[in-house]
Amino acid sequence: MGLNDKAGVFPYQQVCDTLQRLRPCPVVSIVGSDILCKDCSGSKNTTQLSPTTGGTWRSNNPSVATVNKSGLVTARSAGTVTFTFTDSFSHCEVETEPVTVKSQPTPDVRIQMRK
């Protein structure tokens, strides 16, 4: 088998397995709201993911919401999106629960005329 001590396992995979035992996959969470409003201003169109350091974040649907390197999510269009954090040390990837982006509700305004 050469460098492998397990049949069919490459040394790289053994290193990855060892790193994950030494440093388990991080726990990811949505710190703010999991429902965002795309047309709203202020904090209603953003939320924060955790962790904020130690790896990289990516969106599975950047047209719905983007995420920066610190885990700040910004709504772009209506839909559902998840985010994946890749740990810099172990290269472990962990996905968040879904975040929903909604359009700003249109007020239901009814005008009644009196005779």
N, C-alpha and C. Protein backbone atom coordinates (compact mmCIF):
# COMPACT_ATOMS: atom_id res chain seq x y z
N MET A 1 0.81 -1.19 0.00
CA MET A 1 0.00 0.00 0.00
C MET A 1 0.86 1.26 0.00
N GLY A 2 2.09 1.21 0.31
CA GLY A 2 2.94 2.39 0.29
C GLY A 2 2.69 3.29 1.48
N LEU A 3 2.34 4.56 1.22
CA LEU A 3 2.16 5.54 2.28
C LEU A 3 0.85 5.38 3.04
N ASN A 4 -0.07 4.63 2.49
CA ASN A 4 -1.37 4.48 3.13
C ASN A 4 -1.31 3.42 4.22
N ASP A 5 -1.89 3.70 5.38
CA ASP A 5 -1.99 2.67 6.40
C ASP A 5 -3.39 2.07 6.44
N LYS A 6 -4.31 2.64 5.68
CA LYS A 6 -5.66 2.08 5.51
C LYS A 6 -5.88 1.87 4.02
N ALA A 7 -6.47 0.77 3.68
CA ALA A 7 -6.73 0.47 2.27
C ALA A 7 -7.65 1.51 1.67
N GLY A 8 -7.25 2.09 0.54
CA GLY A 8 -8.10 3.01 -0.19
C GLY A 8 -8.20 4.41 0.37
N VAL A 9 -7.42 4.76 1.41
CA VAL A 9 -7.48 6.10 1.98
C VAL A 9 -6.17 6.81 1.68
N PHE A 10 -6.27 7.97 1.06
CA PHE A 10 -5.08 8.73 0.72
C PHE A 10 -4.55 9.45 1.96
N PRO A 11 -3.25 9.70 2.02
CA PRO A 11 -2.69 10.40 3.19
C PRO A 11 -3.38 11.74 3.44
N TYR A 12 -3.77 12.46 2.38
CA TYR A 12 -4.45 13.75 2.55
C TYR A 12 -5.73 13.57 3.36
N GLN A 13 -6.50 12.55 3.05
CA GLN A 13 -7.74 12.30 3.79
C GLN A 13 -7.44 11.97 5.24
N GLN A 14 -6.36 11.25 5.50
CA GLN A 14 -5.98 10.93 6.87
C GLN A 14 -5.63 12.21 7.63
N VAL A 15 -4.95 13.14 6.97
CA VAL A 15 -4.61 14.41 7.59
C VAL A 15 -5.89 15.18 7.91
N CYS A 16 -6.83 15.22 6.96
CA CYS A 16 -8.11 15.91 7.19
C CYS A 16 -8.85 15.30 8.37
N ASP A 17 -8.90 13.98 8.42
CA ASP A 17 -9.58 13.30 9.53
C ASP A 17 -8.93 13.65 10.87
N THR A 18 -7.61 13.68 10.90
CA THR A 18 -6.87 14.02 12.12
C THR A 18 -7.15 15.46 12.53
N LEU A 19 -7.13 16.40 11.57
CA LEU A 19 -7.41 17.80 11.89
C LEU A 19 -8.81 17.97 12.46
N GLN A 20 -9.78 17.25 11.92
CA GLN A 20 -11.15 17.38 12.41
C GLN A 20 -11.29 16.79 13.81
N ARG A 21 -10.47 15.78 14.15
CA ARG A 21 -10.51 15.27 15.51
C ARG A 21 -9.87 16.27 16.47
N LEU A 22 -8.79 16.93 16.04
CA LEU A 22 -8.10 17.91 16.88
C LEU A 22 -8.92 19.18 17.04
N ARG A 23 -9.56 19.59 16.00
CA ARG A 23 -10.40 20.81 16.03
C ARG A 23 -11.71 20.49 15.33
N PRO A 24 -12.74 20.17 16.10
CA PRO A 24 -14.02 19.81 15.49
C PRO A 24 -14.59 20.94 14.64
N CYS A 25 -15.54 20.57 13.81
CA CYS A 25 -16.20 21.56 12.97
C CYS A 25 -16.82 22.64 13.85
N PRO A 26 -16.76 23.91 13.39
CA PRO A 26 -17.36 24.98 14.18
C PRO A 26 -18.88 24.89 14.19
N VAL A 27 -19.45 25.50 15.20
CA VAL A 27 -20.90 25.62 15.28
C VAL A 27 -21.27 26.93 14.61
N VAL A 28 -22.18 26.89 13.66
CA VAL A 28 -22.62 28.11 12.98
C VAL A 28 -24.03 28.45 13.45
N SER A 29 -24.32 29.74 13.45
CA SER A 29 -25.66 30.15 13.86
C SER A 29 -26.02 31.49 13.21
N ILE A 30 -27.32 31.73 13.16
CA ILE A 30 -27.85 33.01 12.71
C ILE A 30 -28.11 33.81 13.98
N VAL A 31 -27.31 34.85 14.21
CA VAL A 31 -27.39 35.62 15.44
C VAL A 31 -28.61 36.54 15.43
N GLY A 32 -28.91 37.11 14.27
CA GLY A 32 -30.07 38.00 14.14
C GLY A 32 -31.28 37.25 13.64
N SER A 33 -32.12 37.96 12.93
CA SER A 33 -33.35 37.38 12.40
C SER A 33 -33.06 36.46 11.22
N ASP A 34 -33.88 35.42 11.06
CA ASP A 34 -33.76 34.55 9.89
C ASP A 34 -34.78 34.92 8.81
N ILE A 35 -35.49 36.05 9.02
CA ILE A 35 -36.40 36.60 8.01
C ILE A 35 -35.98 38.05 7.75
N LEU A 36 -35.64 38.34 6.49
CA LEU A 36 -35.19 39.67 6.11
C LEU A 36 -36.17 40.29 5.13
N CYS A 37 -36.09 41.61 5.00
CA CYS A 37 -36.94 42.37 4.09
C CYS A 37 -36.04 43.05 3.07
N LYS A 38 -36.22 42.73 1.80
CA LYS A 38 -35.30 43.24 0.77
C LYS A 38 -35.45 44.73 0.52
N ASP A 39 -36.61 45.30 0.68
CA ASP A 39 -36.83 46.71 0.38
C ASP A 39 -36.84 47.59 1.62
N CYS A 40 -36.56 47.02 2.76
CA CYS A 40 -36.57 47.78 4.00
C CYS A 40 -35.19 48.37 4.26
N SER A 41 -35.15 49.42 5.04
CA SER A 41 -33.86 50.03 5.37
C SER A 41 -33.45 49.60 6.78
N GLY A 42 -32.21 49.89 7.11
CA GLY A 42 -31.71 49.60 8.45
C GLY A 42 -31.50 48.13 8.70
N SER A 43 -31.73 47.72 9.93
CA SER A 43 -31.41 46.36 10.34
C SER A 43 -32.38 45.31 9.80
N LYS A 44 -33.49 45.72 9.19
CA LYS A 44 -34.45 44.73 8.68
C LYS A 44 -33.97 44.04 7.41
N ASN A 45 -32.94 44.61 6.74
CA ASN A 45 -32.45 43.95 5.53
C ASN A 45 -31.09 43.30 5.74
N THR A 46 -30.63 43.21 7.00
CA THR A 46 -29.37 42.53 7.30
C THR A 46 -29.54 41.62 8.51
N THR A 47 -28.64 40.66 8.62
CA THR A 47 -28.56 39.81 9.81
C THR A 47 -27.11 39.39 9.96
N GLN A 48 -26.77 38.85 11.11
CA GLN A 48 -25.39 38.47 11.39
C GLN A 48 -25.29 36.96 11.58
N LEU A 49 -24.24 36.38 10.99
CA LEU A 49 -23.94 34.97 11.17
C LEU A 49 -22.76 34.82 12.12
N SER A 50 -22.67 33.70 12.77
CA SER A 50 -21.55 33.39 13.65
C SER A 50 -20.99 32.03 13.25
N PRO A 51 -19.66 31.90 13.24
CA PRO A 51 -18.62 32.78 13.75
C PRO A 51 -18.30 33.92 12.77
N THR A 52 -17.65 34.95 13.31
CA THR A 52 -17.30 36.12 12.50
C THR A 52 -15.84 36.09 12.04
N THR A 53 -15.06 35.15 12.56
CA THR A 53 -13.65 35.01 12.16
C THR A 53 -13.30 33.54 12.10
N GLY A 54 -12.11 33.26 11.55
CA GLY A 54 -11.61 31.88 11.54
C GLY A 54 -11.96 31.08 10.31
N GLY A 55 -12.51 31.74 9.30
CA GLY A 55 -12.87 31.02 8.08
C GLY A 55 -13.52 31.96 7.09
N THR A 56 -14.18 31.36 6.11
CA THR A 56 -14.84 32.15 5.07
C THR A 56 -16.31 31.74 4.96
N TRP A 57 -17.13 32.73 4.63
CA TRP A 57 -18.56 32.51 4.41
C TRP A 57 -18.86 32.58 2.92
N ARG A 58 -19.86 31.82 2.47
CA ARG A 58 -20.36 31.97 1.11
C ARG A 58 -21.86 31.70 1.10
N SER A 59 -22.52 32.37 0.16
CA SER A 59 -23.97 32.25 -0.01
C SER A 59 -24.24 31.20 -1.07
N ASN A 60 -25.28 30.38 -0.88
CA ASN A 60 -25.64 29.42 -1.92
C ASN A 60 -26.50 30.07 -3.00
N ASN A 61 -26.91 31.34 -2.76
CA ASN A 61 -27.74 32.05 -3.73
C ASN A 61 -27.51 33.56 -3.58
N PRO A 62 -26.38 34.08 -4.10
CA PRO A 62 -26.05 35.49 -3.93
C PRO A 62 -27.07 36.46 -4.53
N SER A 63 -27.92 35.99 -5.43
CA SER A 63 -28.95 36.89 -5.96
C SER A 63 -30.03 37.16 -4.91
N VAL A 64 -30.18 36.28 -3.92
CA VAL A 64 -31.15 36.47 -2.84
C VAL A 64 -30.52 37.22 -1.67
N ALA A 65 -29.30 36.81 -1.27
CA ALA A 65 -28.60 37.49 -0.17
C ALA A 65 -27.11 37.22 -0.28
N THR A 66 -26.33 38.24 0.06
CA THR A 66 -24.87 38.10 0.06
C THR A 66 -24.38 38.07 1.50
N VAL A 67 -23.14 37.60 1.68
CA VAL A 67 -22.53 37.57 3.01
C VAL A 67 -21.09 38.04 2.87
N ASN A 68 -20.64 38.88 3.81
CA ASN A 68 -19.25 39.34 3.75
C ASN A 68 -18.36 38.46 4.62
N LYS A 69 -17.07 38.77 4.67
CA LYS A 69 -16.12 37.91 5.38
C LYS A 69 -16.37 37.87 6.89
N SER A 70 -17.10 38.85 7.42
CA SER A 70 -17.42 38.88 8.84
C SER A 70 -18.77 38.26 9.17
N GLY A 71 -19.44 37.71 8.16
CA GLY A 71 -20.71 37.05 8.38
C GLY A 71 -21.92 37.96 8.35
N LEU A 72 -21.75 39.19 7.85
CA LEU A 72 -22.90 40.10 7.74
C LEU A 72 -23.66 39.79 6.45
N VAL A 73 -24.93 39.46 6.59
CA VAL A 73 -25.79 39.09 5.47
C VAL A 73 -26.60 40.31 5.04
N THR A 74 -26.69 40.52 3.73
CA THR A 74 -27.49 41.62 3.18
C THR A 74 -28.50 41.07 2.18
N ALA A 75 -29.77 41.39 2.38
CA ALA A 75 -30.85 40.93 1.50
C ALA A 75 -30.73 41.60 0.14
N ARG A 76 -31.00 40.84 -0.94
CA ARG A 76 -30.96 41.38 -2.31
C ARG A 76 -32.30 41.23 -3.04
N SER A 77 -32.92 40.05 -2.92
CA SER A 77 -34.20 39.81 -3.58
C SER A 77 -34.96 38.73 -2.81
N ALA A 78 -36.25 38.64 -3.06
CA ALA A 78 -37.07 37.67 -2.34
C ALA A 78 -36.64 36.24 -2.67
N GLY A 79 -36.66 35.39 -1.64
CA GLY A 79 -36.29 33.99 -1.83
C GLY A 79 -35.74 33.40 -0.54
N THR A 80 -35.17 32.22 -0.67
CA THR A 80 -34.57 31.51 0.47
C THR A 80 -33.12 31.21 0.15
N VAL A 81 -32.27 31.31 1.17
CA VAL A 81 -30.84 31.15 0.97
C VAL A 81 -30.22 30.50 2.21
N THR A 82 -29.15 29.74 2.01
CA THR A 82 -28.36 29.23 3.12
C THR A 82 -26.93 29.72 2.93
N PHE A 83 -26.16 29.63 3.99
CA PHE A 83 -24.78 30.09 3.97
C PHE A 83 -23.88 28.99 4.50
N THR A 84 -22.69 28.87 3.90
CA THR A 84 -21.74 27.85 4.31
C THR A 84 -20.49 28.52 4.85
N PHE A 85 -20.06 28.06 6.03
CA PHE A 85 -18.82 28.53 6.64
C PHE A 85 -17.76 27.45 6.46
N THR A 86 -16.60 27.84 5.93
CA THR A 86 -15.47 26.92 5.78
C THR A 86 -14.40 27.33 6.78
N ASP A 87 -14.10 26.45 7.72
CA ASP A 87 -13.10 26.71 8.75
C ASP A 87 -11.71 26.73 8.12
N SER A 88 -10.93 27.77 8.41
CA SER A 88 -9.60 27.93 7.82
C SER A 88 -8.63 26.84 8.24
N PHE A 89 -8.78 26.32 9.45
CA PHE A 89 -7.83 25.34 9.98
C PHE A 89 -8.17 23.92 9.53
N SER A 90 -9.40 23.51 9.78
CA SER A 90 -9.79 22.12 9.49
C SER A 90 -10.39 21.94 8.10
N HIS A 91 -10.76 23.04 7.44
CA HIS A 91 -11.44 23.04 6.14
C HIS A 91 -12.81 22.38 6.22
N CYS A 92 -13.32 22.25 7.42
CA CYS A 92 -14.65 21.70 7.63
C CYS A 92 -15.68 22.71 7.14
N GLU A 93 -16.71 22.25 6.44
CA GLU A 93 -17.78 23.11 5.94
C GLU A 93 -19.06 22.83 6.70
N VAL A 94 -19.70 23.91 7.17
CA VAL A 94 -20.94 23.79 7.93
C VAL A 94 -21.95 24.78 7.35
N GLU A 95 -23.19 24.31 7.17
CA GLU A 95 -24.24 25.14 6.55
C GLU A 95 -25.22 25.63 7.61
N THR A 96 -25.71 26.86 7.40
CA THR A 96 -26.71 27.43 8.31
C THR A 96 -28.10 26.89 7.98
N GLU A 97 -29.02 27.19 8.86
CA GLU A 97 -30.44 26.99 8.57
C GLU A 97 -30.82 28.02 7.49
N PRO A 98 -31.92 27.83 6.80
CA PRO A 98 -32.32 28.79 5.76
C PRO A 98 -32.66 30.18 6.31
N VAL A 99 -32.36 31.18 5.50
CA VAL A 99 -32.77 32.56 5.76
C VAL A 99 -33.76 32.91 4.66
N THR A 100 -34.88 33.53 5.04
CA THR A 100 -35.91 33.92 4.08
C THR A 100 -35.86 35.42 3.86
N VAL A 101 -35.86 35.81 2.60
CA VAL A 101 -35.92 37.24 2.25
C VAL A 101 -37.27 37.48 1.62
N LYS A 102 -37.99 38.47 2.17
CA LYS A 102 -39.31 38.82 1.66
C LYS A 102 -39.28 40.23 1.10
N SER A 103 -40.21 40.51 0.20
CA SER A 103 -40.38 41.88 -0.28
C SER A 103 -41.07 42.68 0.80
N GLN A 104 -40.86 43.99 0.78
CA GLN A 104 -41.53 44.85 1.74
C GLN A 104 -43.02 44.75 1.52
N PRO A 105 -43.79 44.54 2.57
CA PRO A 105 -45.24 44.44 2.39
C PRO A 105 -45.84 45.74 1.90
N THR A 106 -46.81 45.62 1.04
CA THR A 106 -47.53 46.78 0.54
C THR A 106 -48.70 47.04 1.48
N PRO A 107 -48.79 48.24 2.00
CA PRO A 107 -49.90 48.53 2.91
C PRO A 107 -51.25 48.36 2.21
N ASP A 108 -52.20 47.83 2.92
CA ASP A 108 -53.55 47.67 2.40
C ASP A 108 -54.34 48.91 2.80
N VAL A 109 -54.40 49.86 1.90
CA VAL A 109 -55.07 51.13 2.18
C VAL A 109 -56.41 51.13 1.46
N ARG A 110 -57.45 51.33 2.23
CA ARG A 110 -58.79 51.41 1.64
C ARG A 110 -59.40 52.75 2.02
N ILE A 111 -59.91 53.38 1.04
CA ILE A 111 -60.54 54.69 1.27
C ILE A 111 -62.04 54.52 1.07
N GLN A 112 -62.76 54.94 2.08
CA GLN A 112 -64.22 54.89 1.99
C GLN A 112 -64.73 56.31 1.85
N MET A 113 -65.60 56.47 0.94
CA MET A 113 -66.19 57.79 0.72
C MET A 113 -67.55 57.82 1.40
N ARG A 114 -67.81 58.88 2.10
CA ARG A 114 -69.11 59.04 2.76
C ARG A 114 -69.99 59.92 1.91
N LYS A 115 -71.23 59.57 1.89
CA LYS A 115 -72.19 60.35 1.10
C LYS A 115 -72.86 61.37 1.95
